[in-house]
Each structure stands twice: as C-alpha cells, then as structure tokens.
C-alpha cells in the first residue's frame, strides 16, 4: 500500500513541478524542459526529478545549474500546492531515454532506406 502512495505522490509532484517551471520561473537560462518522471523515496525525504532538455550540451548544463539554484523556490511552491508533512529535497537529473530513442529511430530509418554506411 505504501508503494501506491509513493507513486501517486511522485506523479503529483511531477505535474506540479512542470507547471511551476512553465509558469513561475523566469530564469532565461532555463530552456525547453519536459519533466519526464519523478522518483520519490519511501520516507519522502528526496525526489529525483528526471528532465529532458532540448538544446546543446552547454544549454543542458546551464539549465541544470539554474534549476538547482531555484530548487528552494520550487520546493516552497510545492509546499503551497501539495499538502505533505515534509516536502522532499529535489535532485534534478537528465533523462537520456528520449535522446536514446530518437537515435534508435534514426538508425532504423537508415536501415530501412538502405543507407547503412552514413
């Protein structure tokens, strides 16, 4: 039963963080971000927020730094929107699954068109 609650809280945190980043944060270093997932520990002390960021590696790093600096603001906004005894510490990580999937798709397209060498 506890795992179900952890999953529901993770999904709610994901939804709220997406809205906060989109509507509340005004940092120009933050690019086009998609929150792809949130993993919350069983005691709700930490939440790993997985992000997909469009742009170069330098833009991705700048976005991650800006989000890390604004994590206090994001936590306070989460506290206003979600009723939890303790708002988890936010750890931002890159989710490479979308990049990996697009790379696989490019390779499959090359195989299907017969252009394997490029």
N, C-alpha and C. Protein backbone atom coordinates (compact mmCIF):
# COMPACT_ATOMS: atom_id res chain seq x y z
N UNK A 1 0.82 -1.19 0.00
CA UNK A 1 0.00 0.00 0.00
C UNK A 1 0.86 1.26 0.00
N UNK A 2 2.02 1.21 0.67
CA UNK A 2 2.89 2.38 0.74
C UNK A 2 3.45 2.73 -0.63
N UNK A 3 3.76 1.72 -1.45
CA UNK A 3 4.31 1.98 -2.78
C UNK A 3 3.30 2.68 -3.67
N UNK A 4 2.02 2.38 -3.48
CA UNK A 4 0.99 3.05 -4.26
C UNK A 4 0.96 4.53 -3.92
N UNK A 5 1.06 4.86 -2.65
CA UNK A 5 1.06 6.26 -2.22
C UNK A 5 2.30 6.98 -2.73
N UNK A 6 3.45 6.33 -2.66
CA UNK A 6 4.68 6.93 -3.15
C UNK A 6 4.55 7.24 -4.64
N UNK A 7 3.96 6.33 -5.39
CA UNK A 7 3.76 6.54 -6.82
C UNK A 7 2.81 7.69 -7.11
N UNK A 8 1.74 7.77 -6.35
CA UNK A 8 0.77 8.86 -6.55
C UNK A 8 1.38 10.20 -6.19
N UNK A 9 2.13 10.25 -5.10
CA UNK A 9 2.79 11.50 -4.70
C UNK A 9 3.82 11.90 -5.76
N UNK A 10 4.56 10.93 -6.29
CA UNK A 10 5.53 11.22 -7.34
C UNK A 10 4.88 11.80 -8.58
N UNK A 11 3.75 11.25 -8.98
CA UNK A 11 3.03 11.78 -10.15
C UNK A 11 2.51 13.19 -9.90
N UNK A 12 2.03 13.44 -8.69
CA UNK A 12 1.53 14.77 -8.36
C UNK A 12 2.67 15.79 -8.34
N UNK A 13 3.81 15.38 -7.78
CA UNK A 13 4.98 16.26 -7.77
C UNK A 13 5.43 16.56 -9.20
N UNK A 14 5.42 15.56 -10.05
CA UNK A 14 5.80 15.74 -11.46
C UNK A 14 4.89 16.77 -12.12
N UNK A 15 3.61 16.65 -11.91
CA UNK A 15 2.64 17.57 -12.52
C UNK A 15 2.86 18.99 -12.01
N UNK A 16 3.02 19.14 -10.71
CA UNK A 16 3.17 20.47 -10.12
C UNK A 16 4.49 21.12 -10.52
N UNK A 17 5.58 20.34 -10.55
CA UNK A 17 6.88 20.90 -10.94
C UNK A 17 6.82 21.37 -12.39
N UNK A 18 6.17 20.61 -13.25
CA UNK A 18 6.03 21.03 -14.65
C UNK A 18 5.33 22.38 -14.74
N UNK A 19 4.26 22.54 -13.98
CA UNK A 19 3.52 23.80 -14.01
C UNK A 19 4.35 24.95 -13.41
N UNK A 20 5.08 24.67 -12.34
CA UNK A 20 5.90 25.71 -11.71
C UNK A 20 7.00 26.18 -12.66
N UNK A 21 7.68 25.23 -13.31
CA UNK A 21 8.76 25.59 -14.24
C UNK A 21 8.20 26.39 -15.41
N UNK A 22 7.06 25.97 -15.92
CA UNK A 22 6.48 26.63 -17.08
C UNK A 22 5.95 28.02 -16.75
N UNK A 23 5.27 28.17 -15.62
CA UNK A 23 4.56 29.42 -15.34
C UNK A 23 5.29 30.36 -14.39
N UNK A 24 6.01 29.84 -13.43
CA UNK A 24 6.55 30.67 -12.36
C UNK A 24 8.01 31.08 -12.55
N UNK A 25 8.83 30.20 -13.08
CA UNK A 25 10.26 30.51 -13.20
C UNK A 25 10.51 31.44 -14.38
N UNK A 26 11.28 32.48 -14.13
CA UNK A 26 11.56 33.47 -15.17
C UNK A 26 13.03 33.51 -15.54
N UNK A 27 13.78 32.48 -15.21
CA UNK A 27 15.22 32.44 -15.48
C UNK A 27 15.45 32.22 -16.98
N UNK A 28 16.18 33.11 -17.65
CA UNK A 28 16.40 32.93 -19.09
C UNK A 28 17.30 31.75 -19.44
N UNK A 29 18.05 31.23 -18.47
CA UNK A 29 18.93 30.09 -18.75
C UNK A 29 18.16 28.79 -18.88
N UNK A 30 16.91 28.79 -18.39
CA UNK A 30 16.11 27.57 -18.46
C UNK A 30 15.49 27.48 -19.84
N UNK A 31 15.85 26.44 -20.56
CA UNK A 31 15.36 26.26 -21.91
C UNK A 31 14.05 25.49 -21.95
N UNK A 32 13.86 24.78 -23.04
CA UNK A 32 12.64 23.99 -23.22
C UNK A 32 12.80 22.69 -22.45
N UNK A 33 12.02 22.53 -21.38
CA UNK A 33 12.16 21.40 -20.47
C UNK A 33 10.88 20.57 -20.47
N UNK A 34 11.07 19.26 -20.41
CA UNK A 34 9.96 18.34 -20.16
C UNK A 34 10.32 17.52 -18.93
N UNK A 35 9.46 17.52 -17.94
CA UNK A 35 9.66 16.67 -16.76
C UNK A 35 9.15 15.29 -17.13
N UNK A 36 10.06 14.33 -17.24
CA UNK A 36 9.69 13.00 -17.71
C UNK A 36 9.33 12.04 -16.59
N UNK A 37 9.79 12.32 -15.38
CA UNK A 37 9.47 11.41 -14.29
C UNK A 37 9.99 11.93 -12.97
N UNK A 38 9.42 11.38 -11.89
CA UNK A 38 9.86 11.71 -10.54
C UNK A 38 9.90 10.43 -9.73
N UNK A 39 11.03 10.17 -9.09
CA UNK A 39 11.16 9.03 -8.18
C UNK A 39 11.29 9.57 -6.77
N UNK A 40 10.35 9.19 -5.90
CA UNK A 40 10.34 9.66 -4.53
C UNK A 40 10.77 8.51 -3.62
N UNK A 41 11.61 8.80 -2.63
CA UNK A 41 11.99 7.77 -1.67
C UNK A 41 10.80 7.44 -0.78
N UNK A 42 10.86 6.28 -0.13
CA UNK A 42 9.72 5.83 0.69
C UNK A 42 9.43 6.76 1.86
N UNK A 43 10.44 7.45 2.37
CA UNK A 43 10.21 8.36 3.50
C UNK A 43 9.98 9.81 3.05
N UNK A 44 9.84 10.03 1.75
CA UNK A 44 9.57 11.33 1.16
C UNK A 44 10.65 12.37 1.48
N UNK A 45 11.88 11.92 1.71
CA UNK A 45 12.95 12.87 2.02
C UNK A 45 13.61 13.41 0.75
N UNK A 46 13.61 12.63 -0.32
CA UNK A 46 14.23 13.06 -1.57
C UNK A 46 13.34 12.70 -2.75
N UNK A 47 13.43 13.52 -3.78
CA UNK A 47 12.74 13.24 -5.04
C UNK A 47 13.70 13.51 -6.18
N UNK A 48 13.94 12.49 -6.99
CA UNK A 48 14.76 12.66 -8.18
C UNK A 48 13.82 13.08 -9.31
N UNK A 49 14.08 14.24 -9.87
CA UNK A 49 13.25 14.78 -10.94
C UNK A 49 14.02 14.58 -12.24
N UNK A 50 13.47 13.77 -13.15
CA UNK A 50 14.13 13.48 -14.42
C UNK A 50 13.61 14.43 -15.48
N UNK A 51 14.57 15.06 -16.20
CA UNK A 51 14.25 16.10 -17.17
C UNK A 51 14.78 15.75 -18.54
N UNK A 52 14.04 16.18 -19.54
CA UNK A 52 14.53 16.14 -20.91
C UNK A 52 14.63 17.58 -21.37
N UNK A 53 15.80 17.96 -21.85
CA UNK A 53 16.06 19.35 -22.24
C UNK A 53 16.48 19.38 -23.70
N UNK A 54 15.84 20.26 -24.45
CA UNK A 54 16.21 20.43 -25.86
C UNK A 54 17.36 21.43 -25.92
N UNK A 55 18.34 21.14 -26.79
CA UNK A 55 19.45 22.06 -26.97
C UNK A 55 20.79 21.35 -26.90
N UNK A 56 21.84 22.16 -26.93
CA UNK A 56 23.19 21.62 -26.89
C UNK A 56 23.54 21.17 -25.47
N UNK A 57 24.68 20.51 -25.34
CA UNK A 57 25.12 20.05 -24.02
C UNK A 57 25.37 21.23 -23.08
N UNK A 58 25.88 22.34 -23.63
CA UNK A 58 26.14 23.53 -22.81
C UNK A 58 24.82 24.11 -22.29
N UNK A 59 23.81 24.15 -23.14
CA UNK A 59 22.49 24.65 -22.73
C UNK A 59 21.87 23.73 -21.67
N UNK A 60 22.08 22.45 -21.81
CA UNK A 60 21.56 21.49 -20.83
C UNK A 60 22.20 21.71 -19.46
N UNK A 61 23.51 21.92 -19.46
CA UNK A 61 24.21 22.15 -18.19
C UNK A 61 23.76 23.45 -17.53
N UNK A 62 23.58 24.50 -18.34
CA UNK A 62 23.11 25.78 -17.80
C UNK A 62 21.70 25.62 -17.21
N UNK A 63 20.86 24.86 -17.89
CA UNK A 63 19.51 24.63 -17.40
C UNK A 63 19.54 23.89 -16.08
N UNK A 64 20.40 22.87 -15.98
CA UNK A 64 20.50 22.10 -14.75
C UNK A 64 21.01 22.97 -13.59
N UNK A 65 21.99 23.83 -13.87
CA UNK A 65 22.50 24.73 -12.83
C UNK A 65 21.41 25.70 -12.37
N UNK A 66 20.66 26.24 -13.32
CA UNK A 66 19.60 27.20 -12.97
C UNK A 66 18.51 26.52 -12.15
N UNK A 67 18.16 25.30 -12.50
CA UNK A 67 17.14 24.58 -11.73
C UNK A 67 17.64 24.24 -10.33
N UNK A 68 18.90 23.88 -10.22
CA UNK A 68 19.46 23.57 -8.91
C UNK A 68 19.45 24.80 -8.01
N UNK A 69 19.74 25.95 -8.59
CA UNK A 69 19.72 27.19 -7.81
C UNK A 69 18.30 27.58 -7.39
N UNK A 70 17.32 27.23 -8.20
CA UNK A 70 15.95 27.62 -7.89
C UNK A 70 15.18 26.50 -7.19
N UNK A 71 15.87 25.47 -6.73
CA UNK A 71 15.16 24.34 -6.10
C UNK A 71 14.46 24.77 -4.81
N UNK A 72 15.00 25.74 -4.09
CA UNK A 72 14.34 26.23 -2.88
C UNK A 72 13.00 26.87 -3.19
N UNK A 73 12.97 27.68 -4.25
CA UNK A 73 11.72 28.30 -4.67
C UNK A 73 10.72 27.25 -5.12
N UNK A 74 11.19 26.27 -5.88
CA UNK A 74 10.30 25.21 -6.37
C UNK A 74 9.73 24.41 -5.20
N UNK A 75 10.57 24.12 -4.20
CA UNK A 75 10.09 23.40 -3.01
C UNK A 75 9.04 24.20 -2.26
N UNK A 76 9.26 25.50 -2.12
CA UNK A 76 8.28 26.32 -1.40
C UNK A 76 6.96 26.37 -2.16
N UNK A 77 7.03 26.45 -3.48
CA UNK A 77 5.79 26.43 -4.29
C UNK A 77 5.10 25.08 -4.18
N UNK A 78 5.89 24.00 -4.15
CA UNK A 78 5.29 22.67 -3.96
C UNK A 78 4.58 22.58 -2.62
N UNK A 79 5.18 23.18 -1.60
CA UNK A 79 4.58 23.17 -0.27
C UNK A 79 3.24 23.88 -0.25
N UNK A 80 3.10 24.91 -1.07
CA UNK A 80 1.82 25.63 -1.15
C UNK A 80 0.77 24.83 -1.90
N UNK A 81 1.20 23.99 -2.85
CA UNK A 81 0.27 23.28 -3.72
C UNK A 81 -0.07 21.87 -3.26
N UNK A 82 0.85 21.23 -2.56
CA UNK A 82 0.65 19.84 -2.12
C UNK A 82 0.72 19.80 -0.60
N UNK A 83 -0.24 19.13 0.01
CA UNK A 83 -0.24 19.02 1.47
C UNK A 83 0.53 17.77 1.88
N UNK A 84 1.78 17.98 2.22
CA UNK A 84 2.63 16.92 2.76
C UNK A 84 3.28 17.45 4.03
N UNK A 85 3.57 16.56 4.94
CA UNK A 85 4.24 16.96 6.18
C UNK A 85 5.63 17.51 5.87
N UNK A 86 6.32 16.86 4.95
CA UNK A 86 7.68 17.27 4.60
C UNK A 86 7.79 17.25 3.08
N UNK A 87 8.18 18.37 2.51
CA UNK A 87 8.39 18.45 1.06
C UNK A 87 9.78 17.88 0.78
N UNK A 88 9.89 16.92 -0.15
CA UNK A 88 11.19 16.29 -0.40
C UNK A 88 12.22 17.23 -1.00
N UNK A 89 13.48 16.92 -0.74
CA UNK A 89 14.59 17.63 -1.37
C UNK A 89 14.60 17.23 -2.84
N UNK A 90 14.77 18.20 -3.72
CA UNK A 90 14.70 17.93 -5.15
C UNK A 90 16.09 17.77 -5.74
N UNK A 91 16.29 16.67 -6.44
CA UNK A 91 17.53 16.40 -7.16
C UNK A 91 17.19 16.31 -8.65
N UNK A 92 17.77 17.19 -9.45
CA UNK A 92 17.46 17.23 -10.87
C UNK A 92 18.48 16.38 -11.63
N UNK A 93 17.97 15.50 -12.51
CA UNK A 93 18.81 14.61 -13.31
C UNK A 93 18.33 14.66 -14.76
N UNK A 94 19.23 14.39 -15.68
CA UNK A 94 18.85 14.30 -17.09
C UNK A 94 18.29 12.93 -17.39
N UNK A 95 17.28 12.90 -18.23
CA UNK A 95 16.70 11.65 -18.70
C UNK A 95 17.13 11.49 -20.15
N UNK A 96 18.02 10.56 -20.39
CA UNK A 96 18.56 10.37 -21.73
C UNK A 96 17.72 9.44 -22.58
N UNK A 97 16.61 8.95 -22.07
CA UNK A 97 15.82 7.96 -22.81
C UNK A 97 15.23 8.54 -24.09
N UNK A 98 14.86 9.81 -24.10
CA UNK A 98 14.29 10.41 -25.31
C UNK A 98 15.37 10.55 -26.38
N UNK A 99 16.57 11.01 -25.98
CA UNK A 99 17.69 11.10 -26.93
C UNK A 99 18.06 9.71 -27.46
N UNK A 100 18.07 8.74 -26.57
CA UNK A 100 18.39 7.37 -26.95
C UNK A 100 17.35 6.84 -27.94
N UNK A 101 16.09 7.10 -27.67
CA UNK A 101 15.02 6.64 -28.56
C UNK A 101 15.09 7.29 -29.92
N UNK A 102 15.40 8.57 -29.98
CA UNK A 102 15.50 9.24 -31.28
C UNK A 102 16.71 8.73 -32.06
N UNK A 103 17.78 8.42 -31.37
CA UNK A 103 18.96 7.84 -32.04
C UNK A 103 18.64 6.47 -32.63
N UNK A 104 17.92 5.64 -31.88
CA UNK A 104 17.50 4.32 -32.39
C UNK A 104 16.60 4.49 -33.62
N UNK A 105 15.70 5.47 -33.54
CA UNK A 105 14.79 5.72 -34.66
C UNK A 105 15.55 6.14 -35.91
N UNK A 106 16.57 6.99 -35.76
CA UNK A 106 17.40 7.40 -36.90
C UNK A 106 18.11 6.20 -37.52
N UNK A 107 18.65 5.35 -36.66
CA UNK A 107 19.35 4.17 -37.17
C UNK A 107 18.40 3.23 -37.90
N UNK A 108 17.21 3.04 -37.38
CA UNK A 108 16.23 2.19 -38.05
C UNK A 108 15.79 2.79 -39.39
N UNK A 109 15.65 4.10 -39.44
CA UNK A 109 15.30 4.76 -40.71
C UNK A 109 16.39 4.55 -41.75
N UNK A 110 17.66 4.65 -41.33
CA UNK A 110 18.77 4.41 -42.24
C UNK A 110 18.76 2.98 -42.76
N UNK A 111 18.50 2.03 -41.90
CA UNK A 111 18.46 0.63 -42.31
C UNK A 111 17.33 0.40 -43.31
N UNK A 112 16.18 1.00 -43.04
CA UNK A 112 15.02 0.81 -43.92
C UNK A 112 15.22 1.46 -45.27
N UNK A 113 15.94 2.56 -45.35
CA UNK A 113 16.16 3.21 -46.64
C UNK A 113 17.36 2.62 -47.37
N UNK A 114 18.12 1.77 -46.71
CA UNK A 114 19.27 1.13 -47.35
C UNK A 114 20.53 1.94 -47.28
N UNK A 115 20.55 3.03 -46.55
CA UNK A 115 21.72 3.89 -46.42
C UNK A 115 22.41 3.59 -45.09
N UNK A 116 23.04 2.44 -45.00
CA UNK A 116 23.61 1.95 -43.76
C UNK A 116 24.95 2.60 -43.45
N UNK A 117 25.73 3.00 -44.43
CA UNK A 117 27.07 3.49 -44.20
C UNK A 117 27.17 4.89 -43.62
N UNK A 118 26.15 5.72 -43.68
CA UNK A 118 26.27 7.08 -43.18
C UNK A 118 25.86 7.28 -41.79
